[in-house]
Amino acid sequence: MVPRFTEFDFGVSWVMGFFHQDGTHDGDTAAEIVATHLAGWSGEAALAVRRDARTLGNLPSETLEVLWNAGAEYLPSFDTRLGSGAEWTREVVGLCDARLSTETGVRPLAGADTEDGEACLDAVVAEIEAARFLADEVRAALVDCARRCTPDLAFRVLLRAILRATPDPSLSPDRYGRLEAVGSALQYGEFVVDNVRFLVEEP
């Protein structure tokens, strides 16, 4: 199968990573931050984000807000800045459409980039439920995402949520090995699961 278009994180989980302590250097609003990053990457990057964001439309707005807040470090308030979770997610789709309108000849996603991870559903749900350091509502939202969107998307947001968890969780070598196995089955690039490697307990 054709490998993914990037060795790094991608899609909505990649967008969540834009919202960090220095994220406002890339724009005054959340939409400007996303647009700035999309402009600097290939059309495939925008296609992957749009694919995830459209899939998230299967979830209730409240669940979307839980997921976005779990995966992003400094996301503006839904109540005062973003509107509802559904409104913000639709805005992300619109930003992708705007980015894609500026480039001709973008090839549709193919090969591994169309992988939903259905064969990994049970493994992904097991890793979500084992992440007891995450709030109950976050784990519930991630399970909903795995079952109603795609296991692939839920797993990438889980990795983001692990990075955001406080205090820093520790991952046993066995646990990290399981995460790597799921990432391998989903044909991720080298630097997706590797983002949480630093949390592995020293032997």
N, C-alpha and C. Protein backbone atom coordinates (compact mmCIF):
# COMPACT_ATOMS: atom_id res chain seq x y z
N MET A 1 0.85 -1.20 0.00
CA MET A 1 0.00 0.00 0.00
C MET A 1 0.88 1.25 0.00
N VAL A 2 0.40 2.28 -0.68
CA VAL A 2 1.14 3.54 -0.72
C VAL A 2 1.25 4.10 0.69
N PRO A 3 2.45 4.52 1.13
CA PRO A 3 2.60 5.05 2.49
C PRO A 3 1.88 6.38 2.66
N ARG A 4 1.73 6.80 3.90
CA ARG A 4 1.08 8.08 4.18
C ARG A 4 1.92 9.23 3.62
N PHE A 5 1.26 10.37 3.43
CA PHE A 5 1.92 11.50 2.79
C PHE A 5 2.94 12.17 3.72
N THR A 6 2.91 11.85 5.00
CA THR A 6 3.82 12.46 5.96
C THR A 6 4.27 11.46 7.00
N GLU A 7 5.47 11.67 7.52
CA GLU A 7 5.99 10.84 8.61
C GLU A 7 5.52 11.36 9.96
N PHE A 8 4.88 12.53 9.97
CA PHE A 8 4.49 13.19 11.21
C PHE A 8 2.97 13.09 11.43
N ASP A 9 2.50 13.70 12.51
CA ASP A 9 1.08 13.73 12.80
C ASP A 9 0.36 14.47 11.67
N PHE A 10 -0.93 14.24 11.55
CA PHE A 10 -1.70 14.79 10.44
C PHE A 10 -3.16 14.90 10.85
N GLY A 11 -3.94 15.54 10.00
CA GLY A 11 -5.38 15.63 10.26
C GLY A 11 -5.71 16.54 11.44
N VAL A 12 -6.86 16.30 12.04
CA VAL A 12 -7.33 17.14 13.14
C VAL A 12 -6.38 17.08 14.34
N SER A 13 -5.78 15.93 14.59
CA SER A 13 -4.84 15.85 15.72
C SER A 13 -3.63 16.76 15.47
N TRP A 14 -3.21 16.89 14.24
CA TRP A 14 -2.14 17.83 13.87
C TRP A 14 -2.58 19.26 14.14
N VAL A 15 -3.82 19.59 13.77
CA VAL A 15 -4.34 20.93 14.01
C VAL A 15 -4.38 21.23 15.51
N MET A 16 -4.74 20.25 16.33
CA MET A 16 -4.75 20.46 17.77
C MET A 16 -3.38 20.92 18.27
N GLY A 17 -2.34 20.44 17.64
CA GLY A 17 -0.99 20.81 18.03
C GLY A 17 -0.61 22.25 17.72
N PHE A 18 -1.42 22.95 16.91
CA PHE A 18 -1.14 24.36 16.62
C PHE A 18 -1.39 25.23 17.84
N PHE A 19 -2.25 24.75 18.75
CA PHE A 19 -2.70 25.59 19.86
C PHE A 19 -1.87 25.30 21.09
N HIS A 20 -0.72 25.99 21.13
CA HIS A 20 0.22 25.83 22.24
C HIS A 20 0.55 27.22 22.78
N GLN A 21 1.48 27.27 23.70
CA GLN A 21 1.76 28.52 24.41
C GLN A 21 2.13 29.67 23.47
N ASP A 22 2.81 29.36 22.38
CA ASP A 22 3.24 30.40 21.44
C ASP A 22 2.39 30.43 20.17
N GLY A 23 1.24 29.77 20.20
CA GLY A 23 0.43 29.66 19.00
C GLY A 23 -0.07 30.98 18.46
N THR A 24 -0.25 31.97 19.34
CA THR A 24 -0.79 33.25 18.88
C THR A 24 0.19 34.00 17.97
N HIS A 25 1.43 33.55 17.89
CA HIS A 25 2.38 34.16 16.93
C HIS A 25 1.92 33.90 15.50
N ASP A 26 1.07 32.90 15.30
CA ASP A 26 0.63 32.52 13.95
C ASP A 26 -0.71 33.12 13.56
N GLY A 27 -1.32 33.90 14.46
CA GLY A 27 -2.59 34.53 14.13
C GLY A 27 -3.29 35.04 15.37
N ASP A 28 -4.20 36.00 15.16
CA ASP A 28 -4.92 36.60 16.29
C ASP A 28 -6.14 35.78 16.70
N THR A 29 -6.63 34.95 15.81
CA THR A 29 -7.79 34.13 16.11
C THR A 29 -7.45 32.67 15.82
N ALA A 30 -8.28 31.79 16.34
CA ALA A 30 -8.05 30.36 16.09
C ALA A 30 -8.10 30.06 14.60
N ALA A 31 -9.03 30.68 13.88
CA ALA A 31 -9.14 30.46 12.44
C ALA A 31 -7.89 30.93 11.71
N GLU A 32 -7.35 32.07 12.12
CA GLU A 32 -6.13 32.57 11.48
C GLU A 32 -4.94 31.64 11.73
N ILE A 33 -4.87 31.08 12.93
CA ILE A 33 -3.78 30.15 13.25
C ILE A 33 -3.85 28.93 12.34
N VAL A 34 -5.05 28.38 12.19
CA VAL A 34 -5.21 27.20 11.33
C VAL A 34 -4.89 27.55 9.89
N ALA A 35 -5.40 28.68 9.40
CA ALA A 35 -5.17 29.08 8.01
C ALA A 35 -3.68 29.28 7.74
N THR A 36 -2.97 29.87 8.69
CA THR A 36 -1.53 30.09 8.52
C THR A 36 -0.79 28.77 8.34
N HIS A 37 -1.10 27.80 9.17
CA HIS A 37 -0.42 26.50 9.06
C HIS A 37 -0.81 25.78 7.77
N LEU A 38 -2.08 25.79 7.43
CA LEU A 38 -2.51 25.11 6.21
C LEU A 38 -1.83 25.70 4.98
N ALA A 39 -1.62 27.02 4.99
CA ALA A 39 -1.00 27.68 3.84
C ALA A 39 0.44 27.22 3.63
N GLY A 40 1.09 26.77 4.70
CA GLY A 40 2.48 26.38 4.60
C GLY A 40 2.71 24.92 4.26
N TRP A 41 1.63 24.17 4.07
CA TRP A 41 1.76 22.74 3.81
C TRP A 41 1.06 22.36 2.53
N SER A 42 1.27 21.13 2.12
CA SER A 42 0.73 20.64 0.86
C SER A 42 -0.79 20.51 0.91
N GLY A 43 -1.38 20.37 -0.27
CA GLY A 43 -2.81 20.14 -0.34
C GLY A 43 -3.23 18.86 0.37
N GLU A 44 -2.35 17.86 0.37
CA GLU A 44 -2.67 16.61 1.07
C GLU A 44 -2.91 16.84 2.55
N ALA A 45 -2.17 17.76 3.14
CA ALA A 45 -2.35 18.07 4.56
C ALA A 45 -3.76 18.61 4.80
N ALA A 46 -4.22 19.51 3.93
CA ALA A 46 -5.57 20.07 4.07
C ALA A 46 -6.62 19.00 3.83
N LEU A 47 -6.39 18.10 2.88
CA LEU A 47 -7.33 17.01 2.63
C LEU A 47 -7.47 16.11 3.86
N ALA A 48 -6.35 15.82 4.52
CA ALA A 48 -6.38 14.95 5.70
C ALA A 48 -7.13 15.62 6.85
N VAL A 49 -6.93 16.93 7.03
CA VAL A 49 -7.66 17.65 8.08
C VAL A 49 -9.14 17.66 7.77
N ARG A 50 -9.49 17.96 6.52
CA ARG A 50 -10.91 18.01 6.14
C ARG A 50 -11.57 16.65 6.33
N ARG A 51 -10.86 15.60 5.98
CA ARG A 51 -11.42 14.25 6.13
C ARG A 51 -11.76 13.97 7.60
N ASP A 52 -10.82 14.28 8.49
CA ASP A 52 -11.08 14.08 9.92
C ASP A 52 -12.22 14.96 10.40
N ALA A 53 -12.18 16.24 10.04
CA ALA A 53 -13.17 17.19 10.57
C ALA A 53 -14.58 16.84 10.10
N ARG A 54 -14.69 16.39 8.87
CA ARG A 54 -16.01 15.99 8.37
C ARG A 54 -16.50 14.74 9.11
N THR A 55 -15.60 13.82 9.39
CA THR A 55 -15.96 12.61 10.13
C THR A 55 -16.43 12.95 11.54
N LEU A 56 -15.82 13.98 12.14
CA LEU A 56 -16.21 14.39 13.48
C LEU A 56 -17.66 14.88 13.53
N GLY A 57 -18.23 15.20 12.38
CA GLY A 57 -19.62 15.61 12.33
C GLY A 57 -20.58 14.54 12.82
N ASN A 58 -20.09 13.31 12.99
CA ASN A 58 -20.93 12.24 13.53
C ASN A 58 -21.16 12.36 15.03
N LEU A 59 -20.42 13.27 15.68
CA LEU A 59 -20.48 13.37 17.14
C LEU A 59 -21.27 14.59 17.59
N PRO A 60 -21.89 14.53 18.79
CA PRO A 60 -22.57 15.70 19.34
C PRO A 60 -21.59 16.83 19.61
N SER A 61 -22.09 18.05 19.59
CA SER A 61 -21.25 19.22 19.77
C SER A 61 -20.48 19.18 21.09
N GLU A 62 -21.15 18.73 22.16
CA GLU A 62 -20.50 18.69 23.48
C GLU A 62 -19.32 17.72 23.48
N THR A 63 -19.48 16.61 22.78
CA THR A 63 -18.38 15.64 22.69
C THR A 63 -17.21 16.23 21.92
N LEU A 64 -17.50 16.96 20.87
CA LEU A 64 -16.45 17.62 20.09
C LEU A 64 -15.65 18.59 20.96
N GLU A 65 -16.35 19.33 21.79
CA GLU A 65 -15.65 20.29 22.66
C GLU A 65 -14.71 19.57 23.62
N VAL A 66 -15.14 18.43 24.14
CA VAL A 66 -14.28 17.65 25.03
C VAL A 66 -13.03 17.19 24.28
N LEU A 67 -13.21 16.71 23.06
CA LEU A 67 -12.07 16.21 22.28
C LEU A 67 -11.09 17.33 21.93
N TRP A 68 -11.60 18.45 21.45
CA TRP A 68 -10.72 19.56 21.09
C TRP A 68 -9.95 20.07 22.32
N ASN A 69 -10.64 20.19 23.44
CA ASN A 69 -9.97 20.66 24.65
C ASN A 69 -8.96 19.65 25.19
N ALA A 70 -9.23 18.37 24.98
CA ALA A 70 -8.30 17.33 25.45
C ALA A 70 -7.03 17.31 24.64
N GLY A 71 -7.14 17.63 23.34
CA GLY A 71 -5.98 17.50 22.47
C GLY A 71 -5.19 18.76 22.24
N ALA A 72 -5.76 19.92 22.58
CA ALA A 72 -5.10 21.20 22.35
C ALA A 72 -4.67 21.81 23.68
N GLU A 73 -3.50 22.41 23.68
CA GLU A 73 -2.96 22.96 24.93
C GLU A 73 -3.60 24.29 25.31
N TYR A 74 -3.74 25.20 24.33
CA TYR A 74 -4.26 26.54 24.61
C TYR A 74 -5.34 26.91 23.60
N LEU A 75 -6.42 26.16 23.58
CA LEU A 75 -7.51 26.45 22.65
C LEU A 75 -8.38 27.56 23.22
N PRO A 76 -8.74 28.57 22.40
CA PRO A 76 -9.64 29.61 22.90
C PRO A 76 -10.97 29.01 23.39
N SER A 77 -11.65 29.74 24.24
CA SER A 77 -12.89 29.25 24.84
C SER A 77 -13.99 29.06 23.80
N PHE A 78 -14.68 27.93 23.91
CA PHE A 78 -15.84 27.72 23.05
C PHE A 78 -16.93 28.73 23.38
N ASP A 79 -17.12 29.02 24.65
CA ASP A 79 -18.21 29.90 25.07
C ASP A 79 -18.06 31.31 24.53
N THR A 80 -16.83 31.81 24.50
CA THR A 80 -16.63 33.22 24.15
C THR A 80 -15.96 33.46 22.81
N ARG A 81 -15.28 32.44 22.26
CA ARG A 81 -14.49 32.69 21.04
C ARG A 81 -14.84 31.79 19.86
N LEU A 82 -15.14 30.54 20.12
CA LEU A 82 -15.25 29.56 19.03
C LEU A 82 -16.68 29.18 18.68
N GLY A 83 -17.65 29.52 19.53
CA GLY A 83 -19.00 29.01 19.32
C GLY A 83 -19.06 27.57 19.82
N SER A 84 -19.94 26.78 19.29
CA SER A 84 -20.05 25.40 19.74
C SER A 84 -18.96 24.53 19.12
N GLY A 85 -18.85 23.33 19.65
CA GLY A 85 -17.89 22.39 19.07
C GLY A 85 -18.20 22.09 17.62
N ALA A 86 -19.50 21.97 17.31
CA ALA A 86 -19.90 21.69 15.93
C ALA A 86 -19.56 22.87 15.01
N GLU A 87 -19.79 24.10 15.51
CA GLU A 87 -19.50 25.28 14.69
C GLU A 87 -18.00 25.38 14.39
N TRP A 88 -17.18 25.16 15.40
CA TRP A 88 -15.74 25.24 15.21
C TRP A 88 -15.25 24.15 14.26
N THR A 89 -15.77 22.96 14.41
CA THR A 89 -15.35 21.86 13.54
C THR A 89 -15.74 22.14 12.09
N ARG A 90 -16.93 22.69 11.89
CA ARG A 90 -17.34 23.08 10.53
C ARG A 90 -16.46 24.20 9.99
N GLU A 91 -16.03 25.10 10.85
CA GLU A 91 -15.14 26.18 10.41
C GLU A 91 -13.81 25.61 9.93
N VAL A 92 -13.33 24.59 10.62
CA VAL A 92 -12.07 23.94 10.19
C VAL A 92 -12.25 23.33 8.80
N VAL A 93 -13.41 22.71 8.55
CA VAL A 93 -13.67 22.18 7.20
C VAL A 93 -13.62 23.30 6.18
N GLY A 94 -14.25 24.44 6.51
CA GLY A 94 -14.26 25.57 5.59
C GLY A 94 -12.87 26.12 5.33
N LEU A 95 -12.02 26.15 6.34
CA LEU A 95 -10.65 26.62 6.17
C LEU A 95 -9.87 25.69 5.24
N CYS A 96 -10.14 24.39 5.34
CA CYS A 96 -9.51 23.43 4.43
C CYS A 96 -9.98 23.65 3.00
N ASP A 97 -11.28 23.86 2.84
CA ASP A 97 -11.82 24.12 1.50
C ASP A 97 -11.17 25.37 0.90
N ALA A 98 -11.02 26.42 1.72
CA ALA A 98 -10.40 27.66 1.24
C ALA A 98 -8.95 27.41 0.83
N ARG A 99 -8.24 26.64 1.63
CA ARG A 99 -6.85 26.33 1.28
C ARG A 99 -6.77 25.53 -0.02
N LEU A 100 -7.65 24.55 -0.17
CA LEU A 100 -7.62 23.71 -1.37
C LEU A 100 -8.02 24.48 -2.62
N SER A 101 -8.80 25.54 -2.46
CA SER A 101 -9.21 26.34 -3.62
C SER A 101 -8.05 27.12 -4.22
N THR A 102 -6.94 27.22 -3.49
CA THR A 102 -5.78 27.98 -3.97
C THR A 102 -4.78 27.11 -4.71
N GLU A 103 -5.03 25.82 -4.80
CA GLU A 103 -4.06 24.91 -5.42
C GLU A 103 -4.78 23.98 -6.39
N THR A 104 -4.27 23.89 -7.59
CA THR A 104 -4.87 23.00 -8.57
C THR A 104 -4.11 21.68 -8.59
N GLY A 105 -4.80 20.64 -8.98
CA GLY A 105 -4.14 19.36 -9.17
C GLY A 105 -3.80 18.61 -7.91
N VAL A 106 -4.48 18.91 -6.79
CA VAL A 106 -4.24 18.15 -5.56
C VAL A 106 -4.83 16.75 -5.74
N ARG A 107 -3.99 15.75 -5.58
CA ARG A 107 -4.47 14.38 -5.77
C ARG A 107 -5.28 13.93 -4.57
N PRO A 108 -6.34 13.18 -4.79
CA PRO A 108 -7.12 12.66 -3.66
C PRO A 108 -6.25 11.78 -2.76
N LEU A 109 -6.62 11.71 -1.50
CA LEU A 109 -5.90 10.82 -0.60
C LEU A 109 -6.02 9.39 -1.10
N ALA A 110 -4.95 8.63 -0.95
CA ALA A 110 -4.94 7.26 -1.45
C ALA A 110 -4.10 6.40 -0.53
N GLY A 111 -4.17 5.09 -0.73
CA GLY A 111 -3.32 4.18 0.02
C GLY A 111 -3.57 4.28 1.51
N ALA A 112 -2.48 4.35 2.28
CA ALA A 112 -2.58 4.39 3.73
C ALA A 112 -3.35 5.60 4.23
N ASP A 113 -3.38 6.68 3.45
CA ASP A 113 -4.07 7.90 3.88
C ASP A 113 -5.58 7.75 3.90
N THR A 114 -6.09 6.64 3.37
CA THR A 114 -7.53 6.37 3.45
C THR A 114 -7.85 5.34 4.53
N GLU A 115 -6.85 4.94 5.30
CA GLU A 115 -7.02 3.92 6.34
C GLU A 115 -7.87 4.45 7.49
N ASP A 116 -8.95 3.74 7.81
CA ASP A 116 -9.81 4.13 8.94
C ASP A 116 -9.43 3.40 10.23
N GLY A 117 -8.74 2.27 10.10
CA GLY A 117 -8.33 1.53 11.28
C GLY A 117 -9.41 0.66 11.90
N GLU A 118 -10.41 0.28 11.13
CA GLU A 118 -11.50 -0.52 11.69
C GLU A 118 -11.00 -1.81 12.32
N ALA A 119 -9.97 -2.41 11.74
CA ALA A 119 -9.43 -3.65 12.29
C ALA A 119 -8.77 -3.43 13.65
N CYS A 120 -8.46 -2.18 13.97
CA CYS A 120 -7.80 -1.85 15.23
C CYS A 120 -8.77 -1.33 16.29
N LEU A 121 -10.08 -1.37 16.01
CA LEU A 121 -11.05 -0.76 16.92
C LEU A 121 -10.90 -1.27 18.34
N ASP A 122 -10.87 -2.58 18.53
CA ASP A 122 -10.80 -3.12 19.88
C ASP A 122 -9.52 -2.71 20.59
N ALA A 123 -8.41 -2.72 19.86
CA ALA A 123 -7.13 -2.34 20.45
C ALA A 123 -7.12 -0.86 20.83
N VAL A 124 -7.69 -0.02 19.99
CA VAL A 124 -7.74 1.41 20.28
C VAL A 124 -8.62 1.69 21.49
N VAL A 125 -9.78 1.08 21.54
CA VAL A 125 -10.68 1.27 22.69
C VAL A 125 -10.00 0.78 23.97
N ALA A 126 -9.28 -0.32 23.90
CA ALA A 126 -8.59 -0.84 25.08
C ALA A 126 -7.55 0.15 25.58
N GLU A 127 -6.81 0.79 24.68
CA GLU A 127 -5.79 1.77 25.10
C GLU A 127 -6.44 3.03 25.66
N ILE A 128 -7.58 3.42 25.10
CA ILE A 128 -8.29 4.58 25.66
C ILE A 128 -8.76 4.27 27.08
N GLU A 129 -9.36 3.12 27.26
CA GLU A 129 -9.90 2.77 28.57
C GLU A 129 -8.80 2.54 29.60
N ALA A 130 -7.61 2.17 29.14
CA ALA A 130 -6.48 1.96 30.06
C ALA A 130 -5.83 3.27 30.49
N ALA A 131 -6.16 4.36 29.81
CA ALA A 131 -5.55 5.67 30.12
C ALA A 131 -6.29 6.31 31.29
N ARG A 132 -6.14 5.71 32.46
CA ARG A 132 -6.90 6.15 33.63
C ARG A 132 -6.50 7.54 34.12
N PHE A 133 -5.37 8.05 33.64
CA PHE A 133 -4.94 9.39 34.01
C PHE A 133 -5.74 10.46 33.27
N LEU A 134 -6.53 10.08 32.27
CA LEU A 134 -7.41 11.02 31.59
C LEU A 134 -8.76 11.06 32.30
N ALA A 135 -9.42 12.21 32.24
CA ALA A 135 -10.73 12.36 32.86
C ALA A 135 -11.73 11.39 32.24
N ASP A 136 -12.71 10.99 33.03
CA ASP A 136 -13.73 10.06 32.55
C ASP A 136 -14.39 10.57 31.28
N GLU A 137 -14.71 11.88 31.25
CA GLU A 137 -15.42 12.41 30.08
C GLU A 137 -14.53 12.40 28.84
N VAL A 138 -13.23 12.53 29.03
CA VAL A 138 -12.30 12.47 27.89
C VAL A 138 -12.24 11.04 27.34
N ARG A 139 -12.12 10.07 28.23
CA ARG A 139 -12.09 8.68 27.76
C ARG A 139 -13.40 8.32 27.06
N ALA A 140 -14.52 8.76 27.61
CA ALA A 140 -15.82 8.47 26.99
C ALA A 140 -15.91 9.10 25.61
N ALA A 141 -15.44 10.34 25.47
CA ALA A 141 -15.47 11.03 24.18
C ALA A 141 -14.57 10.33 23.17
N LEU A 142 -13.43 9.87 23.61
CA LEU A 142 -12.51 9.16 22.71
C LEU A 142 -13.10 7.83 22.26
N VAL A 143 -13.77 7.12 23.16
CA VAL A 143 -14.41 5.86 22.76
C VAL A 143 -15.52 6.15 21.75
N ASP A 144 -16.31 7.20 21.99
CA ASP A 144 -17.34 7.58 21.03
C ASP A 144 -16.72 7.89 19.67
N CYS A 145 -15.59 8.59 19.68
CA CYS A 145 -14.89 8.93 18.45
C CYS A 145 -14.43 7.66 17.72
N ALA A 146 -13.89 6.71 18.48
CA ALA A 146 -13.44 5.46 17.87
C ALA A 146 -14.58 4.70 17.22
N ARG A 147 -15.72 4.69 17.88
CA ARG A 147 -16.84 3.88 17.40
C ARG A 147 -17.68 4.61 16.33
N ARG A 148 -17.79 5.93 16.44
CA ARG A 148 -18.71 6.66 15.56
C ARG A 148 -17.99 7.45 14.46
N CYS A 149 -16.69 7.65 14.63
CA CYS A 149 -15.88 8.30 13.58
C CYS A 149 -14.96 7.22 13.00
N THR A 150 -13.67 7.25 13.40
CA THR A 150 -12.77 6.17 13.01
C THR A 150 -11.81 5.87 14.15
N PRO A 151 -11.39 4.61 14.31
CA PRO A 151 -10.38 4.29 15.31
C PRO A 151 -9.08 5.05 15.06
N ASP A 152 -8.74 5.27 13.80
CA ASP A 152 -7.53 6.02 13.45
C ASP A 152 -7.55 7.41 14.06
N LEU A 153 -8.63 8.15 13.85
CA LEU A 153 -8.74 9.50 14.39
C LEU A 153 -8.72 9.48 15.91
N ALA A 154 -9.48 8.57 16.52
CA ALA A 154 -9.51 8.50 17.98
C ALA A 154 -8.13 8.20 18.55
N PHE A 155 -7.37 7.36 17.89
CA PHE A 155 -6.05 7.00 18.40
C PHE A 155 -5.10 8.20 18.33
N ARG A 156 -5.15 8.94 17.25
CA ARG A 156 -4.28 10.13 17.16
C ARG A 156 -4.66 11.19 18.19
N VAL A 157 -5.97 11.37 18.44
CA VAL A 157 -6.38 12.33 19.47
C VAL A 157 -5.99 11.80 20.85
N LEU A 158 -6.05 10.49 21.06
CA LEU A 158 -5.58 9.91 22.32
C LEU A 158 -4.12 10.27 22.55
N LEU A 159 -3.28 10.14 21.53
CA LEU A 159 -1.87 10.48 21.68
C LEU A 159 -1.71 11.95 22.07
N ARG A 160 -2.50 12.83 21.47
CA ARG A 160 -2.47 14.25 21.83
C ARG A 160 -2.92 14.44 23.28
N ALA A 161 -3.96 13.74 23.68
CA ALA A 161 -4.46 13.87 25.05
C ALA A 161 -3.43 13.38 26.06
N ILE A 162 -2.71 12.32 25.72
CA ILE A 162 -1.63 11.84 26.59
C ILE A 162 -0.58 12.92 26.77
N LEU A 163 -0.22 13.59 25.69
CA LEU A 163 0.77 14.67 25.77
C LEU A 163 0.29 15.82 26.65
N ARG A 164 -1.02 16.06 26.66
CA ARG A 164 -1.59 17.18 27.40
C ARG A 164 -1.90 16.84 28.85
N ALA A 165 -1.90 15.56 29.20
CA ALA A 165 -2.32 15.16 30.54
C ALA A 165 -1.38 15.75 31.59
N THR A 166 -1.96 16.18 32.72
CA THR A 166 -1.17 16.71 33.83
C THR A 166 -1.59 16.03 35.12
N PRO A 167 -0.62 15.74 36.00
CA PRO A 167 0.81 15.79 35.72
C PRO A 167 1.19 14.78 34.64
N ASP A 168 2.39 14.93 34.10
CA ASP A 168 2.80 14.02 33.03
C ASP A 168 2.59 12.58 33.44
N PRO A 169 1.84 11.82 32.63
CA PRO A 169 1.68 10.40 32.95
C PRO A 169 2.96 9.64 32.62
N SER A 170 3.10 8.47 33.18
CA SER A 170 4.21 7.62 32.77
C SER A 170 3.63 6.42 32.04
N LEU A 171 4.34 5.98 31.02
CA LEU A 171 3.92 4.85 30.21
C LEU A 171 4.91 3.71 30.44
N SER A 172 4.40 2.54 30.74
CA SER A 172 5.29 1.39 30.88
C SER A 172 5.82 1.02 29.50
N PRO A 173 6.99 0.37 29.46
CA PRO A 173 7.49 -0.09 28.15
C PRO A 173 6.48 -0.97 27.42
N ASP A 174 5.75 -1.81 28.15
CA ASP A 174 4.75 -2.66 27.51
C ASP A 174 3.62 -1.82 26.91
N ARG A 175 3.21 -0.81 27.66
CA ARG A 175 2.13 0.06 27.16
C ARG A 175 2.59 0.79 25.90
N TYR A 176 3.79 1.31 25.94
CA TYR A 176 4.30 2.01 24.76
C TYR A 176 4.42 1.04 23.58
N GLY A 177 4.83 -0.18 23.86
CA GLY A 177 4.91 -1.19 22.81
C GLY A 177 3.56 -1.43 22.15
N ARG A 178 2.50 -1.43 22.96
CA ARG A 178 1.16 -1.61 22.41
C ARG A 178 0.76 -0.42 21.53
N LEU A 179 1.10 0.78 22.00
CA LEU A 179 0.81 1.97 21.20
C LEU A 179 1.56 1.92 19.87
N GLU A 180 2.82 1.50 19.92
CA GLU A 180 3.59 1.38 18.68
C GLU A 180 2.97 0.35 17.74
N ALA A 181 2.47 -0.74 18.31
CA ALA A 181 1.87 -1.79 17.47
C ALA A 181 0.63 -1.26 16.76
N VAL A 182 -0.19 -0.48 17.47
CA VAL A 182 -1.36 0.11 16.82
C VAL A 182 -0.92 1.09 15.74
N GLY A 183 0.05 1.92 16.05
CA GLY A 183 0.55 2.87 15.05
C GLY A 183 1.09 2.18 13.82
N SER A 184 1.77 1.07 14.02
CA SER A 184 2.29 0.31 12.88
C SER A 184 1.16 -0.26 12.05
N ALA A 185 0.13 -0.80 12.72
CA ALA A 185 -1.02 -1.35 11.99
C ALA A 185 -1.74 -0.27 11.19
N LEU A 186 -1.73 0.96 11.71
CA LEU A 186 -2.36 2.08 11.02
C LEU A 186 -1.43 2.73 10.00
N GLN A 187 -0.23 2.18 9.87
CA GLN A 187 0.76 2.64 8.89
C GLN A 187 1.17 4.10 9.10
N TYR A 188 1.30 4.47 10.37
CA TYR A 188 1.77 5.82 10.69
C TYR A 188 3.24 5.97 10.36
N GLY A 189 3.63 7.21 10.13
CA GLY A 189 5.04 7.53 9.94
C GLY A 189 5.81 7.43 11.26
N GLU A 190 7.10 7.62 11.16
CA GLU A 190 8.00 7.38 12.29
C GLU A 190 7.72 8.26 13.49
N PHE A 191 7.19 9.47 13.26
CA PHE A 191 7.16 10.46 14.33
C PHE A 191 5.76 10.71 14.90
N VAL A 192 4.85 9.77 14.76
CA VAL A 192 3.50 9.95 15.30
C VAL A 192 3.43 9.40 16.73
N VAL A 193 3.54 8.10 16.88
CA VAL A 193 3.55 7.52 18.23
C VAL A 193 4.80 7.96 18.99
N ASP A 194 5.88 8.19 18.27
CA ASP A 194 7.14 8.60 18.89
C ASP A 194 7.01 9.88 19.72
N ASN A 195 5.96 10.67 19.48
CA ASN A 195 5.75 11.91 20.25
C ASN A 195 5.60 11.66 21.74
N VAL A 196 5.15 10.45 22.13
CA VAL A 196 4.95 10.17 23.56
C VAL A 196 6.04 9.28 24.13
N ARG A 197 7.06 8.98 23.36
CA ARG A 197 8.12 8.08 23.81
C ARG A 197 8.81 8.59 25.09
N PHE A 198 8.93 9.91 25.21
CA PHE A 198 9.64 10.48 26.36
C PHE A 198 8.94 10.18 27.68
N LEU A 199 7.69 9.74 27.62
CA LEU A 199 6.94 9.43 28.83
C LEU A 199 7.15 8.00 29.31
N VAL A 200 7.91 7.21 28.57
CA VAL A 200 8.13 5.81 28.94
C VAL A 200 9.01 5.74 30.17
N GLU A 201 8.59 4.92 31.14
CA GLU A 201 9.33 4.75 32.39
C GLU A 201 10.71 4.16 32.11
N GLU A 202 11.70 4.65 32.83
CA GLU A 202 13.04 4.07 32.73
C GLU A 202 13.04 2.67 33.33
N PRO A 203 13.70 1.72 32.68
CA PRO A 203 13.72 0.35 33.24
C PRO A 203 14.48 0.32 34.54
